[in-house]
Protein backbone atom coordinates (compact mmCIF):
# COMPACT_ATOMS: atom_id res chain seq x y z
CA MET A 1 108.00 102.70 68.67
CA GLY A 2 110.10 103.40 71.72
CA LEU A 3 109.00 106.14 74.35
CA SER A 4 110.63 109.75 74.78
CA LYS A 5 112.84 110.48 77.21
CA LYS A 6 110.43 113.24 78.31
CA ASP A 7 107.39 110.03 78.31
CA LEU A 8 109.80 107.69 80.20
CA THR A 9 110.37 110.73 83.10
CA LYS A 10 106.38 111.34 82.87
CA ARG A 11 105.51 107.46 83.33
CA LYS A 12 107.80 107.25 86.24
CA SER A 13 106.84 110.00 88.27
CA ASN A 14 103.23 108.79 87.98
CA LEU A 15 104.46 105.49 89.41
CA LYS A 16 106.05 107.33 92.27
CA THR A 17 102.81 109.37 92.90
CA ARG A 18 100.68 106.38 93.00
CA LEU A 19 103.20 104.57 95.46
CA GLU A 20 103.28 107.00 98.01
CA GLU A 21 99.39 107.29 98.12
CA LEU A 22 99.16 103.57 98.31
CA GLU A 23 102.06 103.60 101.09
CA LYS A 24 100.24 105.75 103.10
CA LYS A 25 97.11 103.63 103.00
CA ALA A 26 99.66 100.52 104.02
CA PHE A 27 100.82 102.78 106.91
CA ASN A 28 97.65 101.82 108.46
CA ASP A 29 97.47 98.47 107.59
CA PRO A 30 100.19 97.21 109.50
CA LEU A 31 99.03 93.31 109.62
CA LYS A 32 98.87 93.26 105.92
CA LYS A 33 95.51 92.36 105.71
CA ASP A 34 94.83 93.61 102.72
CA VAL A 35 96.91 91.81 100.56
CA ALA A 36 96.00 93.58 97.48
CA LEU A 37 96.96 96.94 98.06
CA HIS A 38 100.30 95.39 99.96
CA GLU A 39 100.83 93.33 96.12
CA GLU A 40 100.26 96.33 94.37
CA ILE A 41 103.25 98.16 96.15
CA ALA A 42 105.41 95.50 95.51
CA GLU A 43 104.51 95.75 91.94
CA LEU A 44 104.95 99.57 91.53
CA LYS A 45 108.43 99.37 93.30
CA LYS A 46 109.72 96.45 90.21
CA LYS A 47 108.46 98.63 87.98
CA ILE A 48 110.32 101.62 89.01
CA ALA A 49 113.57 99.10 89.49
CA GLU A 50 112.93 98.05 86.03
CA GLN A 51 112.63 101.84 84.21
CA GLY A 52 116.35 102.47 85.85
CA CYS A 53 118.69 105.71 86.19
């Protein structure tokens, strides 16, 4: 069963909000010492791109 358009929009906005929070933390880590943080950012960007539109 697929998700409704409203559910997809809500999921995408939640991903974007989480991404903004992580990017604020990543700004304080310019040398990328926290690898997990930067990997999660890359994963979220990939998920947002997959949803498209």
